[in-house]
Structures are given as structure tokens and as C-alpha cells.
């Protein structure tokens, strides 16, 4: 009887630790997303206020992604060696502080520099947070990563709402950057309190720096997942960087309304991540990626060919649901393929994604000068989406895609 009670107590404690861990990382990812989308939602206003040309606009939108790219690979390796909690704390403090400083910018150089350093912090947080979630929840990692990823959608809604609301109330873009990072304070406090949860998630740490990543790169499936991650991210990044700008420039919506359009798309994406992420714990993840990639390509074709604002809005909600679900499933598939080196493996996928997030906005900005906003966004979305579908087909018959026994 006592043994049974002890078992139930341990189980209850484990659930509480898991809930605390997931809540803190969920909030951290929400803060991460709010930092990104607050700029997107007021991008045209910032462009006017700082007198940015199209090249500077592209660089500013990609600055955070350049920062992420600089640290994301090393972050995954560091977490496998030293544990996840320390790396996450440093990351959250950095991107919280430097997001505040963006609001003090008076020119392109200052805004770019603060945005870049904010990206360093985000790069430390992103793969390491996913690693902690995947390690802790094991065979239910698809569901847990789906919930974690919803943090990005919540943050996107919050960030775009902050951008639209502060702009409507004050007509000054700076206030958005003073409000958006406040959540970071709670995340730092919660991460300090959740020490036991992180200890349980990490288990044994102390791998040799870089060795696991180099070993993983020798695997064909790992390389295919990295290529898929690059292309799928490239195809979807416009939803973060140019969605509001597209609806304002191409569909003729007002700045506040174009800013708020991000929110329902993000909510739709959140449902997709939870529902389909959970489904991936029982289904073959590689084949789910093929199906989702095909549906997304068809939805993009419909969206960019439609001139009706109501049809376009309905379709972009479906795009949010389907395209967002790709990412937790993809990350869970990578974890299935890495023999427990989650930090190193997720450092590889997030590095590939970060390359896409640096290249894609700048490519779109360059294409806008030659083609106009509508055609540029369409070309730079549909082409990589079709390529991602092609790569996913090569994963169709790969082994090791069912839920593991970790």
C-alpha cells in the first residue's frame, strides 16, 4: 500500500514538474515570438520613421535571424554538455534586454545592432528549449512540442496586438518595444524556480563539444530533415515578416487592420500544432510531412491567385493551420533520428531554419524592387514550398519515424 502511494506521489510530482517546465518554456517562446511580430506588425511605420530604403528594410527584418544563426548551432551543443537551464537563462535575459533597447533606436544602425544582439539570445533559447521538452516528455514529444510551439502563436498574437494597439493609441512605434518584452521577466523567474524540472529533463550531460553533431551529419535522414527544415521555413517565413505588409500593400488594408490580421492566422496555427503534433505520436511522422507539404503548396497557389479579400483571408487561416503543424512534427522526427543527442540534433535543424530566415526576407526585399510586393512574396513562398515537398518525398520510406521508446 505504501509502495503504491509512493508511486502515485512520484507520478504526481513528475506531472507537476512537467507542467512547470512546459509552461515556462511556452512563455519563453511566446516572448520570443512577440519580439519578432511586434516589428512585423508596424514595419511600414518603422520604415517611414527611420527613413529606411528597401535594402535596409530587408536587413532590419532579417537582423534577428542573423543573430539566431550565429548562436543556434553552438547552443544545442552547449546544452548537451552543460545542461539546458543555464543556456536558456542567458538567452532569455539577452533577448529581453535588447528588445527594450530597440525602442530607443534613432537610426538604422542602432535598430539593426539591437535587433541583431536580441537574435543572439533567441538563438540560445530556441533549440535548447525544444531539447528540454523532447527529453522530458519522451514518447509524447510530438504532443509536448506541439504545445510548446503554440507559445509562438500566442506570442505572435500578443506581439501583433501590442503593435497595432500602441500604434493606434500613441501613433509612436517605440512604445510597442517597451511593452512587448515584459513577459521575459516572468520567464526568468520561472526558469529559476523550475530547477528540478530541468535537472530531470537533462539527465546525464557532459558530451564532447561538437562530436555528436558531426556524427549526426553523417546520416542521410538527418541531412534530409535539415534540407526540409531549410525549405519549409523559407516558404513560411513570410507569415512572420511580410504577412501584415502584404495585406496592407497588396490587399489595401489599413495599417492597424493589417497588423491585426496576424492574430487569427497565429491562432489557427496553434490549433494545427496541437492537433497534428499529438497525432504524430501515433502516426508516421515522415508521411505526415509529405501530406502536409502537399496541402500547403495547394493552399499557397489558391491564396496568391485569389483577388477576393474574403477568400484570401479564409485561405490564409488554413495555411496557418497546416504550415505551422509541420514544425513540431519535423522536430520530433529529428529527435527520433538522433539517439538521444537532442540538443545537437535540434541545433542542426534550427541552424538550417535560421539560414532560411536570414536569406528569405532579404530575397523578398530584393524581389520587391523588381517585381512588386505581390509577385515577390508569391514567388519566394511557392518555389521553396514545392522544393520542400520534393524533399519530404525522399523521407517517405525512411525508417525510424514512429514514436520512439525514449
Protein backbone atom coordinates (compact mmCIF):
# COMPACT_ATOMS: atom_id res chain seq x y z
CA UNK A 1 0.00 0.00 0.00
CA UNK A 2 2.79 2.37 0.98
CA UNK A 3 4.64 1.47 -2.22
CA UNK A 4 1.56 2.30 -4.29
CA UNK A 5 1.14 5.64 -2.52
CA UNK A 6 4.81 6.47 -3.08
CA UNK A 7 4.41 5.63 -6.76
CA UNK A 8 1.36 7.86 -7.08
CA UNK A 9 3.20 10.68 -5.28
CA UNK A 10 6.18 10.33 -7.63
CA UNK A 11 3.85 10.30 -10.64
CA UNK A 12 2.04 13.39 -9.39
CA UNK A 13 5.34 15.17 -8.77
CA UNK A 14 6.51 14.23 -12.26
CA UNK A 15 3.35 15.67 -13.82
CA UNK A 16 3.72 18.88 -11.81
CA UNK A 17 7.38 19.22 -12.84
CA UNK A 18 6.48 18.58 -16.46
CA UNK A 19 3.69 21.16 -16.36
CA UNK A 20 6.02 23.77 -14.82
CA UNK A 21 8.75 23.07 -17.36
CA UNK A 22 6.40 23.24 -20.33
CA UNK A 23 4.68 26.38 -19.01
CA UNK A 24 7.94 28.29 -18.57
CA UNK A 25 9.27 27.29 -21.99
CA UNK A 26 5.88 28.01 -23.57
CA UNK A 27 6.01 31.54 -22.12
CA UNK A 28 9.62 31.92 -23.24
CA UNK A 29 8.68 31.01 -26.80
CA UNK A 30 5.74 33.41 -26.59
CA UNK A 31 8.14 36.19 -25.63
CA UNK A 32 10.43 35.13 -28.48
CA UNK A 33 7.55 35.41 -30.98
CA UNK A 34 6.25 38.69 -29.59
CA UNK A 35 9.71 40.16 -30.13
CA UNK A 36 9.53 39.16 -33.79
CA UNK A 37 5.96 40.03 -34.67
CA UNK A 38 5.83 43.37 -32.91
CA UNK A 39 8.21 44.69 -35.58
CA UNK A 40 6.33 42.94 -38.39
CA UNK A 41 3.02 44.47 -37.33
CA UNK A 42 4.35 48.05 -37.52
CA UNK A 43 7.01 47.53 -40.19
CA UNK A 44 5.74 50.15 -42.62
CA UNK A 45 5.54 52.76 -39.82
CA UNK A 46 9.08 51.97 -38.66
CA UNK A 47 10.30 52.19 -42.25
CA UNK A 48 8.86 55.69 -42.57
CA UNK A 49 10.04 56.87 -39.14
CA UNK A 50 13.64 55.73 -39.65
CA UNK A 51 13.70 56.58 -43.38
CA UNK A 52 14.68 53.05 -44.44
CA UNK A 53 15.16 52.12 -48.06
CA UNK A 54 14.19 48.64 -49.32
CA UNK A 55 17.65 47.17 -48.62
CA UNK A 56 17.72 48.49 -45.05
CA UNK A 57 14.18 47.24 -44.55
CA UNK A 58 15.22 43.74 -45.56
CA UNK A 59 18.29 43.86 -43.32
CA UNK A 60 16.27 45.06 -40.33
CA UNK A 61 13.68 42.30 -40.69
CA UNK A 62 16.43 39.70 -41.00
CA UNK A 63 18.75 41.08 -38.26
CA UNK A 64 17.21 38.93 -35.54
CA UNK A 65 17.55 35.87 -37.78
CA UNK A 66 21.22 36.61 -38.44
CA UNK A 67 21.71 36.76 -34.67
CA UNK A 68 19.89 33.46 -34.20
CA UNK A 69 22.02 31.84 -36.93
CA UNK A 70 25.19 32.96 -35.16
CA UNK A 71 24.34 31.13 -31.91
CA UNK A 72 21.74 28.43 -32.60
CA UNK A 73 24.15 25.62 -33.51
CA UNK A 74 26.52 26.20 -30.60
CA UNK A 75 23.54 26.48 -28.22
CA UNK A 76 22.36 22.93 -28.92
CA UNK A 77 25.84 21.54 -28.33
CA UNK A 78 26.32 23.55 -25.15
CA UNK A 79 23.03 22.23 -23.74
CA UNK A 80 24.11 18.61 -24.29
CA UNK A 81 27.35 19.36 -22.48
CA UNK A 82 26.31 21.69 -19.65
CA UNK A 83 22.53 21.30 -19.34
CA UNK A 84 19.60 23.26 -20.70
CA UNK A 85 18.70 25.58 -17.83
CA UNK A 86 21.82 27.75 -17.83
CA UNK A 87 21.76 28.27 -21.60
CA UNK A 88 18.06 29.15 -21.56
CA UNK A 89 18.51 31.73 -18.77
CA UNK A 90 21.27 33.56 -20.63
CA UNK A 91 19.22 33.54 -23.82
CA UNK A 92 16.06 34.97 -22.25
CA UNK A 93 17.93 37.75 -20.43
CA UNK A 94 19.72 38.82 -23.63
CA UNK A 95 16.72 38.95 -25.93
CA UNK A 96 14.54 40.64 -23.32
CA UNK A 97 17.03 43.43 -22.64
CA UNK A 98 17.90 44.18 -26.25
CA UNK A 99 14.29 44.19 -27.42
CA UNK A 100 13.71 47.04 -24.96
CA UNK A 101 16.67 48.89 -26.43
CA UNK A 102 15.22 48.71 -29.96
CA UNK A 103 12.60 51.21 -28.79
CA UNK A 104 15.40 53.74 -28.18
CA UNK A 105 16.77 53.49 -31.73
CA UNK A 106 17.09 56.71 -33.72
CA UNK A 107 18.52 55.32 -36.96
CA UNK A 108 19.00 52.15 -38.97
CA UNK A 109 22.39 51.27 -37.46
CA UNK A 110 21.11 51.32 -33.87
CA UNK A 111 17.93 49.40 -34.68
CA UNK A 112 19.87 46.79 -36.64
CA UNK A 113 22.51 46.35 -33.90
CA UNK A 114 19.98 45.93 -31.07
CA UNK A 115 17.88 43.58 -33.21
CA UNK A 116 20.97 41.52 -34.05
CA UNK A 117 22.01 41.09 -30.39
CA UNK A 118 18.43 40.21 -29.47
CA UNK A 119 18.78 37.43 -32.03
CA UNK A 120 21.85 36.07 -30.21
CA UNK A 121 19.65 35.50 -27.16
CA UNK A 122 16.88 33.92 -29.21
CA UNK A 123 19.39 31.54 -30.78
CA UNK A 124 20.47 30.36 -27.34
CA UNK A 125 16.86 29.79 -26.26
CA UNK A 126 15.19 28.14 -29.25
CA UNK A 127 16.87 24.72 -29.79
CA UNK A 128 17.66 24.30 -26.11
CA UNK A 129 14.06 24.83 -25.02
CA UNK A 130 12.89 22.23 -27.57
CA UNK A 131 15.58 19.84 -26.38
CA UNK A 132 14.38 20.15 -22.77
CA UNK A 133 10.78 19.48 -23.83
CA UNK A 134 11.68 16.48 -26.01
CA UNK A 135 13.90 14.95 -23.33
CA UNK A 136 11.36 15.35 -20.55
CA UNK A 137 8.31 14.06 -22.41
CA UNK A 138 9.97 11.19 -24.33
CA UNK A 139 7.41 9.19 -26.30
CA UNK A 140 4.90 12.04 -26.04
CA UNK A 141 7.33 14.56 -27.51
CA UNK A 142 5.08 15.24 -30.54
CA UNK A 143 2.25 16.41 -28.29
CA UNK A 144 4.57 18.36 -25.98
CA UNK A 145 6.42 20.06 -28.83
CA UNK A 146 3.07 20.93 -30.37
CA UNK A 147 2.04 22.69 -27.16
CA UNK A 148 5.46 24.37 -26.89
CA UNK A 149 5.16 25.65 -30.46
CA UNK A 150 1.77 27.19 -29.66
CA UNK A 151 3.75 29.60 -27.49
CA UNK A 152 4.99 31.12 -30.72
CA UNK A 153 1.41 31.63 -31.92
CA UNK A 154 0.33 33.16 -28.61
CA UNK A 155 3.34 35.44 -28.74
CA UNK A 156 2.55 36.34 -32.36
CA UNK A 157 -0.97 37.36 -31.35
CA UNK A 158 0.35 39.34 -28.39
CA UNK A 159 3.12 40.97 -30.41
CA UNK A 160 0.89 42.00 -33.32
CA UNK A 161 -1.80 43.21 -30.91
CA UNK A 162 0.75 45.26 -28.99
CA UNK A 163 2.00 46.73 -32.26
CA UNK A 164 -1.46 47.58 -33.56
CA UNK A 165 -2.80 48.83 -30.21
CA UNK A 166 0.16 51.03 -29.23
CA UNK A 167 0.28 52.49 -32.73
CA UNK A 168 -3.44 53.29 -32.63
CA UNK A 169 -3.25 54.85 -29.15
CA UNK A 170 0.01 56.77 -29.39
CA UNK A 171 0.98 56.94 -33.11
CA UNK A 172 4.55 56.29 -31.84
CA UNK A 173 6.09 52.92 -32.81
CA UNK A 174 8.58 52.95 -29.89
CA UNK A 175 6.06 52.06 -27.18
CA UNK A 176 5.50 48.65 -28.75
CA UNK A 177 9.10 47.67 -27.97
CA UNK A 178 8.82 48.88 -24.38
CA UNK A 179 5.73 46.73 -23.72
CA UNK A 180 6.49 43.54 -25.67
CA UNK A 181 9.48 42.26 -23.61
CA UNK A 182 7.79 42.47 -20.18
CA UNK A 183 6.98 38.74 -20.27
CA UNK A 184 10.70 37.99 -20.21
CA UNK A 185 10.87 38.96 -16.52
CA UNK A 186 8.35 36.24 -15.60
CA UNK A 187 10.18 33.67 -17.73
CA UNK A 188 13.49 34.33 -15.98
CA UNK A 189 11.84 33.99 -12.55
CA UNK A 190 10.02 30.80 -13.55
CA UNK A 191 13.13 29.21 -15.03
CA UNK A 192 15.00 29.86 -11.77
CA UNK A 193 12.17 28.15 -9.85
CA UNK A 194 12.00 25.15 -12.21
CA UNK A 195 15.48 23.81 -11.44
CA UNK A 196 14.20 20.33 -10.57
CA UNK A 197 12.29 20.03 -13.84
CA UNK A 198 15.33 20.92 -15.90
CA UNK A 199 17.52 18.52 -13.93
CA UNK A 200 15.14 15.67 -14.66
CA UNK A 201 14.91 16.64 -18.34
CA UNK A 202 18.68 16.80 -18.77
CA UNK A 203 19.58 13.52 -17.09
CA UNK A 204 23.25 12.93 -17.83
CA UNK A 205 25.13 15.78 -19.53
CA UNK A 206 28.75 16.19 -20.50
CA UNK A 207 29.14 15.24 -24.16
CA UNK A 208 32.24 16.30 -26.10
CA UNK A 209 31.55 19.60 -27.80
CA UNK A 210 30.69 19.15 -31.49
CA UNK A 211 31.21 15.39 -31.63
CA UNK A 212 27.53 14.42 -31.59
CA UNK A 213 26.63 16.93 -34.29
CA UNK A 214 29.39 15.72 -36.61
CA UNK A 215 28.27 12.14 -36.11
CA UNK A 216 24.65 13.02 -36.86
CA UNK A 217 25.63 14.81 -40.07
CA UNK A 218 26.86 11.50 -41.48
CA UNK A 219 23.29 10.18 -41.50
CA UNK A 220 21.29 10.60 -44.71
CA UNK A 221 17.99 11.04 -42.87
CA UNK A 222 19.42 13.81 -40.69
CA UNK A 223 20.69 15.66 -43.76
CA UNK A 224 17.31 15.28 -45.48
CA UNK A 225 15.47 16.63 -42.44
CA UNK A 226 17.87 19.60 -42.32
CA UNK A 227 17.21 20.36 -46.00
CA UNK A 228 13.48 20.03 -45.45
CA UNK A 229 13.74 22.36 -42.42
CA UNK A 230 15.50 24.99 -44.54
CA UNK A 231 12.97 24.87 -47.38
CA UNK A 232 9.82 24.62 -45.23
CA UNK A 233 10.98 27.57 -43.13
CA UNK A 234 11.88 29.57 -46.23
CA UNK A 235 8.37 29.01 -47.57
CA UNK A 236 6.63 30.04 -44.34
CA UNK A 237 8.75 32.91 -43.05
CA UNK A 238 6.70 35.50 -44.93
CA UNK A 239 3.87 34.83 -42.47
CA UNK A 240 6.09 36.33 -39.77
CA UNK A 241 7.95 39.02 -41.71
CA UNK A 242 5.63 40.12 -44.52
CA UNK A 243 2.05 38.99 -43.80
CA UNK A 244 0.88 42.35 -42.46
CA UNK A 245 2.92 44.21 -45.07
CA UNK A 246 1.38 42.06 -47.84
CA UNK A 247 -2.21 42.68 -46.76
CA UNK A 248 -1.53 46.40 -46.44
CA UNK A 249 0.35 46.78 -49.74
CA UNK A 250 -1.48 44.26 -51.95
CA UNK A 251 -4.95 43.93 -50.41
CA UNK A 252 -5.26 47.59 -49.40
CA UNK A 253 -5.98 47.13 -45.69
CA UNK A 254 -5.23 49.95 -43.23
CA UNK A 255 -2.09 49.65 -41.08
CA UNK A 256 -3.92 48.71 -37.82
CA UNK A 257 -6.19 46.19 -39.59
CA UNK A 258 -3.26 44.67 -41.47
CA UNK A 259 -1.42 44.33 -38.14
CA UNK A 260 -4.36 42.56 -36.50
CA UNK A 261 -4.69 40.04 -39.39
CA UNK A 262 -1.67 38.24 -37.93
CA UNK A 263 -3.64 37.21 -34.83
CA UNK A 264 -6.25 34.84 -36.35
CA UNK A 265 -3.59 33.25 -38.55
CA UNK A 266 -1.46 32.60 -35.46
CA UNK A 267 -4.44 31.16 -33.55
CA UNK A 268 -5.18 28.83 -36.45
CA UNK A 269 -1.55 27.74 -36.45
CA UNK A 270 -1.72 26.99 -32.74
CA UNK A 271 -4.60 24.58 -33.25
CA UNK A 272 -2.71 22.89 -36.07
CA UNK A 273 0.38 22.35 -33.94
CA UNK A 274 -1.51 20.83 -31.00
CA UNK A 275 -3.88 18.64 -33.01
CA UNK A 276 -1.44 17.34 -35.61
CA UNK A 277 1.54 17.30 -33.23
CA UNK A 278 -0.43 14.97 -30.98
CA UNK A 279 -1.44 12.85 -33.96
CA UNK A 280 2.23 12.42 -34.90
CA UNK A 281 2.88 10.50 -31.66
CA UNK A 282 0.85 7.63 -33.12
CA UNK A 283 1.29 8.09 -36.88
CA UNK A 284 4.36 8.00 -39.10
CA UNK A 285 5.81 11.48 -38.90
CA UNK A 286 7.67 11.31 -42.21
CA UNK A 287 4.46 10.58 -44.13
CA UNK A 288 2.58 13.28 -42.28
CA UNK A 289 5.19 15.75 -43.53
CA UNK A 290 4.57 14.68 -47.13
CA UNK A 291 0.80 15.09 -46.79
CA UNK A 292 1.05 18.47 -45.06
CA UNK A 293 3.59 19.77 -47.57
CA UNK A 294 1.30 18.88 -50.48
CA UNK A 295 -1.71 20.57 -48.90
CA UNK A 296 0.32 23.70 -48.13
CA UNK A 297 1.51 24.01 -51.76
CA UNK A 298 -2.10 23.81 -52.99
CA UNK A 299 -3.24 26.40 -50.44
CA UNK A 300 -0.46 28.80 -51.43
CA UNK A 301 -1.48 28.51 -55.07
CA UNK A 302 -5.08 29.36 -54.17
CA UNK A 303 -4.13 32.24 -51.87
CA UNK A 304 -1.81 34.05 -54.26
CA UNK A 305 -4.16 33.62 -57.23
CA UNK A 306 -7.22 34.97 -55.40
CA UNK A 307 -8.22 38.62 -55.76
CA UNK A 308 -11.12 38.31 -53.29
CA UNK A 309 -10.14 39.57 -49.82
CA UNK A 310 -12.57 37.21 -48.06
CA UNK A 311 -11.34 34.12 -49.89
CA UNK A 312 -7.73 35.18 -49.31
CA UNK A 313 -8.39 35.63 -45.58
CA UNK A 314 -10.07 32.22 -45.27
CA UNK A 315 -7.26 30.50 -47.17
CA UNK A 316 -4.50 32.16 -45.15
CA UNK A 317 -6.16 30.80 -41.99
CA UNK A 318 -5.95 27.29 -43.47
CA UNK A 319 -2.34 27.94 -44.42
CA UNK A 320 -1.62 28.90 -40.82
CA UNK A 321 -3.15 25.64 -39.55
CA UNK A 322 -1.33 23.33 -41.96
CA UNK A 323 2.05 25.01 -42.37
CA UNK A 324 2.52 25.63 -38.65
CA UNK A 325 1.92 21.96 -37.81
CA UNK A 326 4.89 20.97 -39.97
CA UNK A 327 7.46 22.25 -37.48
CA UNK A 328 6.76 20.34 -34.23
CA UNK A 329 6.35 17.17 -36.31
CA UNK A 330 9.64 17.82 -38.10
CA UNK A 331 11.50 18.47 -34.82
CA UNK A 332 10.03 15.32 -33.25
CA UNK A 333 11.14 13.34 -36.31
CA UNK A 334 14.66 14.71 -35.90
CA UNK A 335 14.64 13.64 -32.24
CA UNK A 336 13.59 10.15 -33.34
CA UNK A 337 16.69 10.05 -35.54
CA UNK A 338 19.41 11.24 -33.14
CA UNK A 339 19.93 8.51 -30.48
CA UNK A 340 19.33 10.87 -27.57
CA UNK A 341 21.58 13.78 -28.60
CA UNK A 342 18.55 16.06 -28.73
CA UNK A 343 20.35 19.36 -28.25
CA UNK A 344 22.86 18.68 -31.03
CA UNK A 345 20.17 17.34 -33.38
CA UNK A 346 17.83 20.27 -32.82
CA UNK A 347 20.78 22.61 -33.16
CA UNK A 348 21.17 21.23 -36.70
CA UNK A 349 17.52 21.71 -37.71
CA UNK A 350 17.34 25.16 -36.18
CA UNK A 351 20.59 26.13 -37.90
CA UNK A 352 19.04 25.13 -41.23
CA UNK A 353 15.92 27.10 -40.34
CA UNK A 354 17.99 30.10 -39.32
CA UNK A 355 19.77 30.11 -42.68
CA UNK A 356 16.34 30.29 -44.32
CA UNK A 357 15.17 33.10 -42.04
CA UNK A 358 18.22 35.17 -42.98
CA UNK A 359 18.02 34.55 -46.73
CA UNK A 360 14.25 34.62 -47.29
CA UNK A 361 13.38 38.18 -46.08
CA UNK A 362 16.31 39.67 -47.98
CA UNK A 363 15.40 37.73 -51.11
CA UNK A 364 11.83 39.00 -50.83
CA UNK A 365 13.06 42.58 -50.34
CA UNK A 366 15.26 42.28 -53.44
CA UNK A 367 12.43 40.78 -55.48
CA UNK A 368 10.03 43.52 -54.40
CA UNK A 369 12.21 46.10 -56.16
CA UNK A 370 11.98 44.11 -59.39
CA UNK A 371 8.51 42.54 -59.25
CA UNK A 372 6.38 44.40 -56.73
CA UNK A 373 5.16 43.12 -53.37
CA UNK A 374 2.51 40.65 -54.56
CA UNK A 375 4.60 38.75 -57.10
CA UNK A 376 7.76 38.83 -54.96
CA UNK A 377 6.09 37.30 -51.90
CA UNK A 378 4.33 34.68 -54.04
CA UNK A 379 7.48 33.57 -55.88
CA UNK A 380 9.59 33.46 -52.73
CA UNK A 381 6.94 31.34 -50.99
CA UNK A 382 5.67 28.89 -53.60
CA UNK A 383 9.06 27.88 -55.06
CA UNK A 384 10.61 26.73 -51.73
CA UNK A 385 7.30 25.12 -50.70
CA UNK A 386 7.35 22.93 -53.83
CA UNK A 387 11.02 22.10 -53.18
CA UNK A 388 10.18 21.13 -49.56
CA UNK A 389 7.51 18.76 -50.85
CA UNK A 390 10.13 17.14 -53.11
CA UNK A 391 12.49 16.59 -50.17
CA UNK A 392 9.68 15.22 -48.00
CA UNK A 393 9.04 12.55 -50.64
CA UNK A 394 12.58 11.25 -50.08
CA UNK A 395 11.71 10.79 -46.40
CA UNK A 396 8.60 8.73 -47.23
CA UNK A 397 10.17 5.30 -46.77
CA UNK A 398 12.86 6.17 -44.25
CA UNK A 399 12.95 4.06 -41.11
CA UNK A 400 12.81 5.24 -37.53
CA UNK A 401 9.83 7.53 -37.90
CA UNK A 402 7.41 6.01 -35.45
CA UNK A 403 7.33 7.23 -31.89
CA UNK A 404 10.45 6.03 -30.11
CA UNK A 405 10.73 4.41 -26.72
CA UNK A 406 12.75 7.12 -25.04
